[in-house]
């Protein structure tokens, strides 16, 4: 089971960031989780003054901001420098 999370930052202040957690999951496959991240990213850009900067599909029970991404993820969630 996988859970989705996305780091989002304010458009006008990229040092002001937070983690957005999915409220629908968990998902059976990492692919379903990645689809949900895409949905979340579009919704974030349409409804807020935020932009998604990174994401993670993590196994249920793992910390959302951990250093080890799932095998197919392209990015770790981390605070922008």
C-alpha atoms as a PDB file:
ATOM      1  CA  UNK A   1       0.000   0.000   0.000  1.00  0.00           C
ATOM      2  CA  UNK A   2       1.277   3.451  -0.962  1.00  0.00           C
ATOM      3  CA  UNK A   3       0.483   6.934   0.317  1.00  0.00           C
ATOM      4  CA  UNK A   4       0.960  10.177  -1.634  1.00  0.00           C
ATOM      5  CA  UNK A   5       2.435  13.462  -0.480  1.00  0.00           C
ATOM      6  CA  UNK A   6       3.527  16.604  -2.312  1.00  0.00           C
ATOM      7  CA  UNK A   7       5.774  19.447  -1.109  1.00  0.00           C
ATOM      8  CA  UNK A   8       4.226  22.759  -2.106  1.00  0.00           C
ATOM      9  CA  UNK A   9       5.688  26.266  -1.874  1.00  0.00           C
ATOM     10  CA  UNK A  10       4.202  29.734  -2.186  1.00  0.00           C
ATOM     11  CA  UNK A  11       4.658  31.140  -5.681  1.00  0.00           C
ATOM     12  CA  UNK A  12       5.904  34.487  -4.356  1.00  0.00           C
ATOM     13  CA  UNK A  13       8.055  33.008  -1.584  1.00  0.00           C
ATOM     14  CA  UNK A  14       9.641  29.686  -2.514  1.00  0.00           C
ATOM     15  CA  UNK A  15      11.162  29.399   0.959  1.00  0.00           C
ATOM     16  CA  UNK A  16       7.659  29.101   2.463  1.00  0.00           C
ATOM     17  CA  UNK A  17       6.782  25.436   1.914  1.00  0.00           C
ATOM     18  CA  UNK A  18       4.676  22.667   3.424  1.00  0.00           C
ATOM     19  CA  UNK A  19       3.764  19.053   2.788  1.00  0.00           C
ATOM     20  CA  UNK A  20       0.316  18.302   1.330  1.00  0.00           C
ATOM     21  CA  UNK A  21      -0.889  14.835   2.319  1.00  0.00           C
ATOM     22  CA  UNK A  22      -3.430  12.880   0.302  1.00  0.00           C
ATOM     23  CA  UNK A  23      -6.756  12.281   2.019  1.00  0.00           C
ATOM     24  CA  UNK A  24      -8.006   9.504  -0.303  1.00  0.00           C
ATOM     25  CA  UNK A  25      -5.353   6.756  -0.161  1.00  0.00           C
ATOM     26  CA  UNK A  26      -3.641   4.491   0.491  1.00  0.00           C
ATOM     27  CA  UNK A  27      -3.271   2.925  -2.956  1.00  0.00           C
ATOM     28  CA  UNK A  28      -2.557  -0.676  -3.873  1.00  0.00           C
ATOM     29  CA  UNK A  29       0.089   0.136  -6.461  1.00  0.00           C
ATOM     30  CA  UNK A  30       2.762   2.781  -6.839  1.00  0.00           C
ATOM     31  CA  UNK A  31       1.273   3.643 -10.251  1.00  0.00           C
ATOM     32  CA  UNK A  32      -2.092   4.499  -8.678  1.00  0.00           C
ATOM     33  CA  UNK A  33      -0.256   6.617  -6.135  1.00  0.00           C
ATOM     34  CA  UNK A  34       1.620   8.483  -8.882  1.00  0.00           C
ATOM     35  CA  UNK A  35      -1.681   9.130 -10.691  1.00  0.00           C
ATOM     36  CA  UNK A  36      -3.020  10.657  -7.478  1.00  0.00           C
ATOM     37  CA  UNK A  37       0.061  12.868  -7.157  1.00  0.00           C
ATOM     38  CA  UNK A  38      -0.622  14.176 -10.674  1.00  0.00           C
ATOM     39  CA  UNK A  39      -4.233  14.964  -9.661  1.00  0.00           C
ATOM     40  CA  UNK A  40      -3.085  16.683  -6.482  1.00  0.00           C
ATOM     41  CA  UNK A  41      -0.519  18.763  -8.373  1.00  0.00           C
ATOM     42  CA  UNK A  42      -3.095  20.035 -10.868  1.00  0.00           C
ATOM     43  CA  UNK A  43      -5.555  20.883  -8.071  1.00  0.00           C
ATOM     44  CA  UNK A  44      -2.858  22.698  -6.086  1.00  0.00           C
ATOM     45  CA  UNK A  45      -1.923  24.856  -9.077  1.00  0.00           C
ATOM     46  CA  UNK A  46      -5.583  25.666  -9.869  1.00  0.00           C
ATOM     47  CA  UNK A  47      -6.852  26.537  -6.401  1.00  0.00           C
ATOM     48  CA  UNK A  48      -3.944  28.058  -4.458  1.00  0.00           C
ATOM     49  CA  UNK A  49      -1.042  30.411  -4.813  1.00  0.00           C
ATOM     50  CA  UNK A  50       1.209  27.395  -4.386  1.00  0.00           C
ATOM     51  CA  UNK A  51       3.267  25.256  -6.735  1.00  0.00           C
ATOM     52  CA  UNK A  52       4.250  21.621  -6.265  1.00  0.00           C
ATOM     53  CA  UNK A  53       8.031  21.291  -6.042  1.00  0.00           C
ATOM     54  CA  UNK A  54       8.530  17.602  -5.290  1.00  0.00           C
ATOM     55  CA  UNK A  55       6.561  14.489  -4.392  1.00  0.00           C
ATOM     56  CA  UNK A  56       6.753  11.017  -2.927  1.00  0.00           C
ATOM     57  CA  UNK A  57       4.800   7.779  -2.976  1.00  0.00           C
ATOM     58  CA  UNK A  58       5.792   6.087   0.236  1.00  0.00           C
ATOM     59  CA  UNK A  59       4.849   2.743   1.664  1.00  0.00           C
ATOM     60  CA  UNK A  60       2.162   2.997   4.292  1.00  0.00           C
ATOM     61  CA  UNK A  61       3.789   3.525   7.663  1.00  0.00           C
ATOM     62  CA  UNK A  62       6.973   5.128   6.268  1.00  0.00           C
ATOM     63  CA  UNK A  63       7.549   8.805   7.004  1.00  0.00           C
ATOM     64  CA  UNK A  64       6.420  11.043   4.150  1.00  0.00           C
ATOM     65  CA  UNK A  65       9.634  13.050   4.248  1.00  0.00           C
ATOM     66  CA  UNK A  66      12.044  10.145   4.553  1.00  0.00           C
ATOM     67  CA  UNK A  67      15.235   9.922   2.561  1.00  0.00           C
ATOM     68  CA  UNK A  68      14.476   6.643   0.774  1.00  0.00           C
ATOM     69  CA  UNK A  69      12.059   7.082  -2.165  1.00  0.00           C
ATOM     70  CA  UNK A  70      10.057   4.238  -3.622  1.00  0.00           C
ATOM     71  CA  UNK A  71      11.964   2.499  -6.395  1.00  0.00           C
ATOM     72  CA  UNK A  72      10.248   4.305  -9.300  1.00  0.00           C
ATOM     73  CA  UNK A  73      10.091   7.807  -7.823  1.00  0.00           C
ATOM     74  CA  UNK A  74      12.192  10.435  -9.514  1.00  0.00           C
ATOM     75  CA  UNK A  75      12.512  12.715  -6.482  1.00  0.00           C
ATOM     76  CA  UNK A  76      12.721  12.648  -2.703  1.00  0.00           C
ATOM     77  CA  UNK A  77      10.632  15.012  -0.677  1.00  0.00           C
ATOM     78  CA  UNK A  78      12.932  17.538   0.932  1.00  0.00           C
ATOM     79  CA  UNK A  79      12.791  21.158   1.974  1.00  0.00           C
ATOM     80  CA  UNK A  80      13.988  23.544  -0.716  1.00  0.00           C
ATOM     81  CA  UNK A  81      17.359  25.154  -0.005  1.00  0.00           C
END
